[in-house]
Amino acid sequence: MPGDELTAEWVEMKSDYNQRISGEHHGKTIMLYVHGGAYFFGSVNEHRYQLQKHARKLKARVLAPNYRLAPQYPFPCGLQDCLAIYMYLLTIQDASSIILAGDSAGGGMILSILVILRDQGVSLPAGAILISPWVDLTHSFPSVAQDNPYDYIPSHGFLHKPSISWPPPSSDEVLAIEDAIGRTLMDKSSLPKYKETGPKPVVIVDGEPMEIKDQIHMYATNEMLHHPLISPVFQPSLGGLPPLMILTGGGEVLRDEQIYIAHKAANPTKYPTGPDFFEDSEQYRLKELTNRWAPTKVQLQVWSDLCHVAPTLSFTLPAKYMFRSMAQFGTWAITQAQQENIDNLDSHDESYTASFIGNAGDPLPRFRNNMIRERVDHHGKITSLEPESEIAACKLHFSKIGVVNAEMVVKWLTAKLENDKKFATLSKKIQKQRIKEYSESRLSIESKEFPPLTALACRR
């Protein structure tokens, strides 16, 4: 609630805690873990067992923030909270002994935090572990529209019983409310400088234009979805970051964007951001920004047929091996950060990818062209990932990224139509309540503040 303090919880194994306070070891390693939940649900309590597993495997203290959630607290609230927690850690710990980790939305937020730290010259952590990171909120990659029988995420996306918090009024409903209360709720000129090539206002479905008037995600308005701190896939460069481990479920709906982001970080010039997302005055800097940072070291593991954030199912055999792999990477990253010899880890041996076989949790092999590319089966057996030329995500042209997938739109709108019919009476009651709340809101056109209509700030 407004005025509440930001809180976070420490998780540490009792045996490690006893050794640390007795002076037997210093407990230097800290993991900052940001939970997932599509930016609107999830909690530290929900992830507690996973946090305990990370603490035990890595012999670390894990700090998990209770960050603010959408829709009442949309972008950038949660991002600011998690960034503040990291800045706090820097006051008690050297960055070289900190690992960042997050799953799904939390993984996307970790990536955005790293970019902010890099750009502002703040000390970077030793490494980061991204578990099924959500990095493209425009849903432009092919896998989001495919049949994914191994995943639990609904093929049409999330739909909800309407409330005063969600969904917000559509663009047509906003006009009706503004007429009713006699003032402006949204500044139509206050859109971000990134061009609107994403899900609003029009997508082409079966050759016909279709306008999306409803907000798709709770975290941000449609106009903001291709902002690079919301969808990191649109960052000009993901180079210059600490080593990343990206774990992807081979059967999950978001796999394409995760595989793409791994290759983009390791080879920024090969996977550029399209110029359409920047104003003409900014496009001249795009190449400069792309080339500014050295490639990032990335270990990519694609786990065959697994679902989104598979470690959540921690009682399963694949999850057991995933925790081993993450602990191995975390230990390696801490060691390398403190030895400062990351630059000497790359191998140009062409026979490496064809011959490498191992087990999850084994010591890391040498990087090849800034990557360790692995496919892992349910029993933790590792083989080399297919070449980039055979992976659909790596062949997608940058001009297609950010253009919402029409098949996904059809699925979402079809399901939404049924949902709207089911709750039609309730929606009318909510509309009347909104008119009353917005008419009493202290915000006005003169204040020059136009928060998203879901935000608590817009309803006070």
Protein backbone atom coordinates (compact mmCIF):
# COMPACT_ATOMS: atom_id res chain seq x y z
CA MET A 1 0.00 0.00 0.00
CA PRO A 2 1.13 3.62 -0.48
CA GLY A 3 3.51 4.61 2.30
CA ASP A 4 4.49 1.05 3.17
CA GLU A 5 8.16 0.20 3.40
CA LEU A 6 9.79 -2.04 0.81
CA THR A 7 10.52 -5.40 2.40
CA ALA A 8 12.58 -8.43 1.45
CA GLU A 9 13.22 -11.78 3.10
CA TRP A 10 16.46 -13.59 3.77
CA VAL A 11 16.56 -17.35 3.23
CA GLU A 12 19.54 -19.35 4.49
CA MET A 13 20.09 -22.96 5.51
CA LYS A 14 20.35 -23.33 9.27
CA SER A 15 23.68 -25.15 9.09
CA ASP A 16 25.18 -22.40 6.93
CA TYR A 17 23.77 -19.75 9.26
CA ASN A 18 25.33 -21.42 12.32
CA GLN A 19 28.70 -21.67 10.59
CA ARG A 20 28.52 -18.04 9.49
CA ILE A 21 27.71 -16.58 12.92
CA SER A 22 30.31 -18.82 14.59
CA GLY A 23 32.96 -17.58 12.17
CA GLU A 24 33.61 -20.96 10.54
CA HIS A 25 32.89 -19.38 7.15
CA HIS A 26 31.93 -15.87 6.14
CA GLY A 27 28.89 -16.70 4.01
CA LYS A 28 30.09 -14.34 1.33
CA THR A 29 27.83 -15.44 -1.51
CA ILE A 30 24.45 -13.73 -1.81
CA MET A 31 21.75 -14.46 -4.38
CA LEU A 32 19.18 -11.77 -5.10
CA TYR A 33 16.14 -13.68 -6.38
CA VAL A 34 13.20 -11.94 -8.10
CA HIS A 35 10.11 -14.14 -8.27
CA GLY A 36 7.94 -14.39 -11.36
CA GLY A 37 4.19 -14.23 -11.87
CA ALA A 38 3.54 -12.14 -15.00
CA TYR A 39 4.18 -9.01 -12.90
CA PHE A 40 0.78 -9.31 -11.19
CA PHE A 41 0.93 -12.39 -8.94
CA GLY A 42 3.43 -14.60 -7.18
CA SER A 43 5.21 -14.00 -3.90
CA VAL A 44 8.21 -14.89 -1.79
CA ASN A 45 6.03 -17.36 0.11
CA GLU A 46 5.07 -19.11 -3.10
CA HIS A 47 8.75 -19.47 -4.06
CA ARG A 48 10.07 -20.29 -0.60
CA TYR A 49 10.97 -23.93 -1.27
CA GLN A 50 12.83 -22.96 -4.44
CA LEU A 51 14.70 -20.28 -2.51
CA GLN A 52 15.70 -22.86 0.08
CA LYS A 53 17.00 -25.14 -2.69
CA HIS A 54 19.09 -22.32 -4.15
CA ALA A 55 20.46 -21.46 -0.72
CA ARG A 56 21.41 -25.07 0.00
CA LYS A 57 22.92 -25.85 -3.41
CA LEU A 58 24.91 -22.62 -3.63
CA LYS A 59 25.67 -22.40 0.12
CA ALA A 60 24.48 -18.82 -0.10
CA ARG A 61 22.14 -16.40 1.57
CA VAL A 62 19.19 -15.65 -0.69
CA LEU A 63 17.43 -12.28 -0.53
CA ALA A 64 13.99 -12.11 -2.15
CA PRO A 65 12.11 -8.78 -2.42
CA ASN A 66 8.37 -8.38 -1.93
CA TYR A 67 8.16 -5.99 -4.86
CA ARG A 68 5.00 -4.12 -5.86
CA LEU A 69 2.71 -5.87 -8.33
CA ALA A 70 0.51 -4.75 -11.21
CA PRO A 71 -2.12 -3.68 -12.04
CA GLN A 72 -2.23 -1.27 -9.09
CA TYR A 73 1.54 -0.78 -9.36
CA PRO A 74 2.47 -1.01 -13.06
CA PHE A 75 5.86 -0.41 -14.69
CA PRO A 76 8.27 0.79 -13.39
CA CYS A 77 7.23 0.15 -9.76
CA GLY A 78 8.45 -3.44 -9.42
CA LEU A 79 11.63 -2.70 -11.36
CA GLN A 80 12.46 0.22 -9.06
CA ASP A 81 11.87 -1.94 -5.98
CA CYS A 82 14.21 -4.70 -7.13
CA LEU A 83 16.85 -2.20 -8.23
CA ALA A 84 16.67 -0.59 -4.77
CA ILE A 85 17.29 -3.97 -3.13
CA TYR A 86 20.41 -4.50 -5.25
CA MET A 87 21.69 -1.03 -4.37
CA TYR A 88 21.19 -1.94 -0.71
CA LEU A 89 23.23 -5.11 -1.17
CA LEU A 90 26.12 -3.06 -2.53
CA THR A 91 26.30 -1.32 0.84
CA ILE A 92 26.95 -4.61 2.66
CA GLN A 93 28.55 -6.82 0.02
CA ASP A 94 31.04 -6.67 -2.81
CA ALA A 95 29.34 -7.03 -6.21
CA SER A 96 31.71 -9.87 -7.14
CA SER A 97 30.04 -12.10 -4.54
CA ILE A 98 26.45 -11.39 -5.63
CA ILE A 99 24.43 -13.50 -8.05
CA LEU A 100 21.14 -12.27 -9.49
CA ALA A 101 18.40 -14.74 -10.40
CA GLY A 102 14.77 -14.64 -11.42
CA ASP A 103 12.09 -16.63 -13.18
CA SER A 104 9.64 -15.57 -15.90
CA ALA A 105 8.76 -11.91 -15.28
CA GLY A 106 11.43 -11.88 -12.59
CA GLY A 107 13.98 -13.02 -15.16
CA GLY A 108 12.96 -10.21 -17.49
CA MET A 109 13.30 -7.72 -14.64
CA ILE A 110 16.76 -9.03 -13.77
CA LEU A 111 17.87 -8.45 -17.36
CA SER A 112 16.53 -4.88 -17.27
CA ILE A 113 18.29 -4.24 -13.95
CA LEU A 114 21.59 -5.41 -15.44
CA VAL A 115 21.20 -3.04 -18.39
CA ILE A 116 20.46 -0.12 -16.04
CA LEU A 117 23.52 -0.93 -13.92
CA ARG A 118 25.70 -1.24 -17.02
CA ASP A 119 24.50 2.04 -18.51
CA GLN A 120 24.89 3.94 -15.24
CA GLY A 121 28.34 2.54 -14.47
CA VAL A 122 27.21 0.81 -11.26
CA SER A 123 29.10 -2.30 -10.16
CA LEU A 124 27.70 -5.39 -11.87
CA PRO A 125 27.13 -8.67 -10.04
CA ALA A 126 29.21 -11.77 -10.69
CA GLY A 127 26.53 -13.27 -12.91
CA ALA A 128 22.82 -13.81 -13.40
CA ILE A 129 20.56 -16.84 -13.78
CA LEU A 130 17.44 -16.31 -15.90
CA ILE A 131 14.85 -19.09 -15.63
CA SER A 132 12.36 -18.97 -18.53
CA PRO A 133 12.71 -15.16 -18.73
CA TRP A 134 9.79 -13.23 -20.21
CA VAL A 135 11.50 -10.71 -22.47
CA ASP A 136 8.98 -9.88 -25.24
CA LEU A 137 5.61 -8.62 -24.02
CA THR A 138 4.51 -7.97 -27.61
CA HIS A 139 4.29 -11.75 -28.20
CA SER A 140 5.91 -11.52 -31.62
CA PHE A 141 7.81 -14.83 -31.71
CA PRO A 142 6.34 -17.91 -33.43
CA SER A 143 6.20 -20.23 -30.40
CA VAL A 144 3.55 -18.12 -28.62
CA ALA A 145 0.95 -19.05 -31.26
CA GLN A 146 1.89 -22.71 -31.64
CA ASP A 147 0.32 -25.67 -29.91
CA ASN A 148 2.42 -26.27 -26.80
CA PRO A 149 0.99 -29.37 -25.11
CA TYR A 150 3.86 -29.56 -22.61
CA ASP A 151 3.19 -26.12 -21.12
CA TYR A 152 0.59 -25.04 -18.57
CA ILE A 153 0.25 -21.44 -19.77
CA PRO A 154 -3.11 -21.05 -21.57
CA SER A 155 -2.72 -20.89 -25.34
CA HIS A 156 -4.91 -17.75 -25.42
CA GLY A 157 -3.09 -16.00 -22.58
CA PHE A 158 -4.58 -14.86 -19.29
CA LEU A 159 -8.19 -13.75 -18.82
CA HIS A 160 -9.83 -12.63 -15.58
CA LYS A 161 -13.10 -11.94 -13.89
CA PRO A 162 -13.47 -8.14 -14.17
CA SER A 163 -12.91 -5.91 -11.15
CA ILE A 164 -12.31 -2.23 -10.48
CA SER A 165 -8.58 -2.94 -10.89
CA TRP A 166 -8.68 -4.98 -14.10
CA PRO A 167 -9.26 -4.75 -16.96
CA PRO A 168 -8.98 -0.98 -17.40
CA PRO A 169 -11.47 0.75 -19.69
CA SER A 170 -10.78 0.38 -23.40
CA SER A 171 -10.03 3.43 -25.54
CA ASP A 172 -13.73 3.69 -26.43
CA GLU A 173 -14.75 3.40 -22.78
CA VAL A 174 -12.21 6.07 -21.81
CA LEU A 175 -13.89 8.53 -24.18
CA ALA A 176 -17.28 7.71 -22.67
CA ILE A 177 -15.97 8.22 -19.13
CA GLU A 178 -14.28 11.49 -20.07
CA ASP A 179 -17.57 12.74 -21.50
CA ALA A 180 -19.33 11.70 -18.30
CA ILE A 181 -16.92 13.40 -15.89
CA GLY A 182 -16.06 16.37 -18.10
CA ARG A 183 -12.26 16.12 -18.07
CA THR A 184 -9.33 14.27 -19.62
CA LEU A 185 -8.03 11.04 -18.10
CA MET A 186 -5.27 10.28 -20.59
CA ASP A 187 -2.89 12.58 -22.42
CA LYS A 188 -3.04 11.26 -25.97
CA SER A 189 0.29 12.95 -26.77
CA SER A 190 2.19 11.51 -23.81
CA LEU A 191 3.17 8.27 -25.50
CA PRO A 192 6.78 7.05 -25.33
CA LYS A 193 9.21 8.05 -28.05
CA TYR A 194 9.48 4.46 -29.26
CA LYS A 195 7.38 4.08 -32.38
CA GLU A 196 4.09 2.21 -32.25
CA THR A 197 4.72 -0.88 -34.37
CA GLY A 198 3.53 -3.33 -31.76
CA PRO A 199 0.09 -4.53 -30.71
CA LYS A 200 -1.67 -1.18 -31.02
CA PRO A 201 -3.52 0.17 -32.85
CA VAL A 202 -3.85 -2.34 -35.72
CA VAL A 203 -2.79 -5.86 -36.64
CA ILE A 204 -3.62 -7.62 -39.88
CA VAL A 205 -5.68 -10.79 -39.45
CA ASP A 206 -6.67 -12.70 -42.59
CA GLY A 207 -5.88 -9.63 -44.65
CA GLU A 208 -8.18 -7.39 -42.62
CA PRO A 209 -7.07 -4.70 -40.14
CA MET A 210 -8.06 -5.38 -36.54
CA GLU A 211 -7.74 -2.70 -33.89
CA ILE A 212 -6.87 -3.73 -30.35
CA LYS A 213 -8.59 -1.31 -28.01
CA ASP A 214 -8.17 -3.29 -24.79
CA GLN A 215 -5.03 -3.34 -22.68
CA ILE A 216 -3.31 -6.71 -23.04
CA HIS A 217 -0.98 -6.89 -20.03
CA MET A 218 -1.37 -5.64 -16.49
CA TYR A 219 2.26 -4.49 -16.28
CA ALA A 220 2.13 -1.82 -18.99
CA THR A 221 -0.15 -0.18 -21.51
CA ASN A 222 -0.08 -1.41 -25.10
CA GLU A 223 1.86 1.66 -26.22
CA MET A 224 4.66 0.80 -23.80
CA LEU A 225 5.15 -2.89 -24.56
CA HIS A 226 8.18 -2.37 -26.79
CA HIS A 227 9.95 -0.14 -24.27
CA PRO A 228 13.35 -1.87 -23.78
CA LEU A 229 13.04 -1.92 -19.99
CA ILE A 230 9.69 -3.71 -20.31
CA SER A 231 10.66 -6.02 -23.17
CA PRO A 232 14.47 -6.40 -23.03
CA VAL A 233 14.46 -8.02 -26.47
CA PHE A 234 14.32 -4.42 -27.80
CA GLN A 235 17.51 -3.30 -26.07
CA PRO A 236 19.97 -2.00 -28.70
CA SER A 237 22.61 -4.22 -27.10
CA LEU A 238 22.73 -6.83 -24.35
CA GLY A 239 26.51 -6.86 -24.45
CA GLY A 240 28.66 -5.71 -21.57
CA LEU A 241 26.71 -7.72 -18.99
CA PRO A 242 28.07 -10.25 -16.50
CA PRO A 243 27.89 -13.93 -17.51
CA LEU A 244 24.32 -15.15 -17.97
CA MET A 245 22.78 -18.58 -17.57
CA ILE A 246 19.46 -18.90 -19.41
CA LEU A 247 17.32 -21.98 -18.79
CA THR A 248 14.51 -22.62 -21.25
CA GLY A 249 11.81 -25.26 -21.32
CA GLY A 250 11.80 -26.84 -24.76
CA GLY A 251 8.03 -27.25 -24.59
CA GLU A 252 7.12 -23.81 -23.25
CA VAL A 253 5.22 -21.11 -25.05
CA LEU A 254 7.95 -18.46 -24.55
CA ARG A 255 10.91 -20.57 -25.67
CA ASP A 256 11.64 -18.68 -28.90
CA GLU A 257 12.20 -15.31 -27.26
CA GLN A 258 14.43 -16.88 -24.60
CA ILE A 259 16.61 -18.63 -27.16
CA TYR A 260 16.77 -15.41 -29.18
CA ILE A 261 17.75 -13.27 -26.21
CA ALA A 262 20.60 -15.65 -25.35
CA HIS A 263 22.07 -15.34 -28.83
CA LYS A 264 21.47 -11.57 -28.90
CA ALA A 265 23.46 -11.11 -25.69
CA ALA A 266 26.35 -13.24 -26.95
CA ASN A 267 26.41 -11.65 -30.42
CA PRO A 268 24.85 -8.15 -30.29
CA THR A 269 25.79 -7.14 -33.84
CA LYS A 270 24.24 -10.26 -35.38
CA TYR A 271 20.91 -9.70 -33.60
CA PRO A 272 20.28 -5.93 -33.78
CA THR A 273 17.16 -4.09 -32.72
CA GLY A 274 15.07 -2.82 -35.61
CA PRO A 275 15.25 0.93 -36.29
CA ASP A 276 11.45 1.24 -36.37
CA PHE A 277 11.38 1.31 -32.58
CA PHE A 278 13.27 4.59 -32.44
CA GLU A 279 12.48 8.09 -33.63
CA ASP A 280 14.36 9.26 -36.71
CA SER A 281 16.52 11.53 -34.56
CA GLU A 282 17.63 8.53 -32.49
CA GLN A 283 18.28 6.03 -35.28
CA TYR A 284 21.76 7.36 -36.04
CA ARG A 285 22.83 6.25 -32.55
CA LEU A 286 21.47 2.73 -32.94
CA LYS A 287 24.60 1.31 -34.57
CA GLU A 288 26.77 3.08 -32.03
CA LEU A 289 24.77 1.59 -29.16
CA THR A 290 24.84 -1.88 -30.73
CA ASN A 291 28.63 -1.83 -31.11
CA ARG A 292 29.42 -0.12 -27.83
CA TRP A 293 29.55 -3.18 -25.59
CA ALA A 294 31.57 -6.37 -25.81
CA PRO A 295 29.57 -9.61 -26.15
CA THR A 296 28.21 -11.18 -22.99
CA LYS A 297 29.16 -14.73 -21.98
CA VAL A 298 26.01 -16.89 -22.07
CA GLN A 299 25.30 -20.47 -21.06
CA LEU A 300 22.04 -21.48 -22.73
CA GLN A 301 20.33 -24.70 -21.67
CA VAL A 302 17.22 -25.84 -23.55
CA TRP A 303 15.53 -28.61 -21.56
CA SER A 304 13.67 -30.89 -23.94
CA ASP A 305 9.86 -30.84 -23.63
CA LEU A 306 9.88 -29.04 -20.28
CA CYS A 307 7.34 -26.38 -19.31
CA HIS A 308 7.67 -22.74 -18.29
CA VAL A 309 9.80 -22.30 -15.13
CA ALA A 310 10.24 -26.03 -14.64
CA PRO A 311 12.19 -25.66 -11.33
CA THR A 312 8.85 -24.67 -9.77
CA LEU A 313 7.99 -28.37 -10.02
CA SER A 314 10.87 -29.03 -7.66
CA PHE A 315 9.75 -32.57 -6.83
CA THR A 316 10.48 -33.74 -10.40
CA LEU A 317 13.69 -35.32 -11.67
CA PRO A 318 14.43 -32.61 -14.29
CA ALA A 319 14.10 -29.90 -11.63
CA LYS A 320 16.67 -31.71 -9.52
CA TYR A 321 19.19 -31.49 -12.35
CA MET A 322 18.27 -27.88 -13.09
CA PHE A 323 19.11 -26.85 -9.54
CA ARG A 324 22.45 -28.63 -9.88
CA SER A 325 23.21 -26.75 -13.10
CA MET A 326 22.28 -23.40 -11.59
CA ALA A 327 24.43 -24.00 -8.52
CA GLN A 328 27.37 -25.01 -10.72
CA PHE A 329 27.02 -21.86 -12.82
CA GLY A 330 26.64 -19.65 -9.74
CA THR A 331 29.76 -21.07 -8.12
CA TRP A 332 31.69 -20.69 -11.38
CA ALA A 333 30.52 -17.08 -11.88
CA ILE A 334 31.51 -16.05 -8.35
CA THR A 335 34.94 -17.65 -8.77
CA GLN A 336 35.55 -16.04 -12.16
CA ALA A 337 34.39 -12.60 -11.00
CA GLN A 338 36.82 -12.67 -8.11
CA GLN A 339 39.67 -13.94 -10.30
CA GLU A 340 38.87 -11.42 -13.05
CA ASN A 341 39.80 -13.72 -15.93
CA ILE A 342 36.53 -13.92 -17.85
CA ASP A 343 38.18 -12.79 -21.09
CA ASN A 344 40.29 -15.95 -21.29
CA LEU A 345 37.40 -18.41 -21.28
CA ASP A 346 36.48 -18.48 -24.96
CA SER A 347 37.34 -21.40 -27.23
CA HIS A 348 37.43 -21.27 -31.02
CA ASP A 349 37.75 -25.03 -31.38
CA GLU A 350 35.31 -25.92 -34.18
CA SER A 351 35.03 -29.54 -32.96
CA TYR A 352 33.70 -28.49 -29.57
CA THR A 353 29.96 -28.25 -30.28
CA ALA A 354 29.80 -31.46 -32.27
CA SER A 355 31.50 -33.60 -29.64
CA PHE A 356 30.41 -32.19 -26.30
CA ILE A 357 28.39 -34.54 -24.10
CA GLY A 358 27.97 -34.26 -20.34
CA ASN A 359 25.62 -34.17 -17.39
CA ALA A 360 23.73 -31.35 -15.72
CA GLY A 361 25.83 -30.02 -12.85
CA ASP A 362 29.17 -30.89 -14.47
CA PRO A 363 31.87 -28.20 -14.48
CA LEU A 364 31.32 -25.69 -17.26
CA PRO A 365 33.06 -26.39 -20.58
CA ARG A 366 34.83 -23.58 -22.40
CA PHE A 367 32.75 -20.98 -24.18
CA ARG A 368 32.69 -20.99 -27.96
CA ASN A 369 31.94 -17.64 -29.59
CA ASN A 370 30.82 -16.39 -26.16
CA MET A 371 28.28 -19.20 -25.70
CA ILE A 372 27.81 -22.60 -24.16
CA ARG A 373 24.84 -23.97 -26.11
CA GLU A 374 23.30 -27.10 -24.58
CA ARG A 375 20.26 -29.29 -24.97
CA VAL A 376 19.39 -31.28 -21.85
CA ASP A 377 17.02 -34.24 -21.52
CA HIS A 378 14.83 -35.24 -18.56
CA HIS A 379 17.70 -37.22 -17.02
CA GLY A 380 20.16 -34.35 -17.09
CA LYS A 381 22.12 -35.68 -20.08
CA ILE A 382 23.65 -32.87 -22.10
CA THR A 383 24.27 -32.73 -25.83
CA SER A 384 24.99 -29.78 -28.07
CA LEU A 385 22.14 -27.54 -29.14
CA GLU A 386 21.30 -27.47 -32.84
CA PRO A 387 23.10 -24.85 -34.98
CA GLU A 388 21.54 -21.40 -35.14
CA SER A 389 20.62 -22.02 -38.78
CA GLU A 390 18.22 -24.77 -37.65
CA ILE A 391 16.51 -22.80 -34.86
CA ALA A 392 13.38 -20.85 -35.80
CA ALA A 393 13.95 -18.15 -33.19
CA CYS A 394 17.40 -17.33 -34.55
CA LYS A 395 16.11 -16.99 -38.12
CA LEU A 396 13.42 -14.41 -37.32
CA HIS A 397 14.27 -11.09 -38.98
CA PHE A 398 14.50 -8.13 -36.62
CA SER A 399 11.74 -6.36 -38.56
CA LYS A 400 9.28 -9.05 -37.38
CA ILE A 401 10.18 -8.69 -33.71
CA GLY A 402 7.72 -6.41 -31.97
CA VAL A 403 4.94 -7.00 -34.50
CA VAL A 404 2.31 -8.83 -32.51
CA ASN A 405 1.58 -12.36 -33.68
CA ALA A 406 -1.79 -12.31 -35.47
CA GLU A 407 -2.58 -15.93 -34.54
CA MET A 408 -2.09 -15.09 -30.88
CA VAL A 409 -4.37 -12.06 -31.21
CA VAL A 410 -7.15 -14.18 -32.69
CA LYS A 411 -6.88 -16.71 -29.85
CA TRP A 412 -6.88 -13.98 -27.21
CA LEU A 413 -9.76 -11.98 -28.69
CA THR A 414 -11.88 -15.11 -29.21
CA ALA A 415 -11.43 -16.17 -25.59
CA LYS A 416 -11.94 -12.60 -24.38
CA LEU A 417 -15.26 -12.36 -26.23
CA GLU A 418 -16.56 -15.38 -24.35
CA ASN A 419 -15.22 -13.98 -21.08
CA ASP A 420 -16.92 -10.62 -21.71
CA LYS A 421 -20.27 -12.32 -22.35
CA LYS A 422 -19.95 -14.29 -19.13
CA PHE A 423 -19.38 -11.18 -17.02
CA ALA A 424 -21.40 -8.57 -18.97
CA THR A 425 -23.63 -7.56 -16.04
CA LEU A 426 -20.69 -7.22 -13.65
CA SER A 427 -18.79 -5.11 -16.19
CA LYS A 428 -21.64 -2.57 -16.35
CA LYS A 429 -21.60 -2.18 -12.56
CA ILE A 430 -17.85 -1.66 -12.59
CA GLN A 431 -18.15 1.00 -15.30
CA LYS A 432 -20.49 3.04 -13.07
CA GLN A 433 -18.09 2.70 -10.15
CA ARG A 434 -15.20 3.85 -12.32
CA ILE A 435 -17.02 6.98 -13.42
CA LYS A 436 -17.53 7.84 -9.74
CA GLU A 437 -13.88 7.16 -8.80
CA TYR A 438 -12.37 9.03 -11.73
CA SER A 439 -14.65 12.03 -11.17
CA GLU A 440 -13.34 12.26 -7.59
CA SER A 441 -9.68 11.68 -8.50
CA ARG A 442 -7.25 14.47 -7.60
CA LEU A 443 -5.33 14.04 -10.86
CA SER A 444 -6.19 16.44 -13.65
CA ILE A 445 -4.98 17.60 -17.04
CA GLU A 446 -3.30 20.56 -15.32
CA SER A 447 -1.17 18.26 -13.15
CA LYS A 448 0.55 16.86 -16.26
CA GLU A 449 0.37 13.40 -14.70
CA PHE A 450 -1.36 10.60 -16.58
CA PRO A 451 -0.63 7.27 -14.86
CA PRO A 452 -2.12 4.11 -16.36
CA LEU A 453 -5.79 3.85 -15.47
CA THR A 454 -5.15 0.66 -13.48
CA ALA A 455 -2.73 2.42 -11.13
CA LEU A 456 -3.78 3.34 -7.61
CA ALA A 457 -2.39 6.82 -8.30
CA CYS A 458 -5.11 7.32 -10.90
CA ARG A 459 -7.88 6.30 -8.52
CA ARG A 460 -7.07 8.47 -5.51
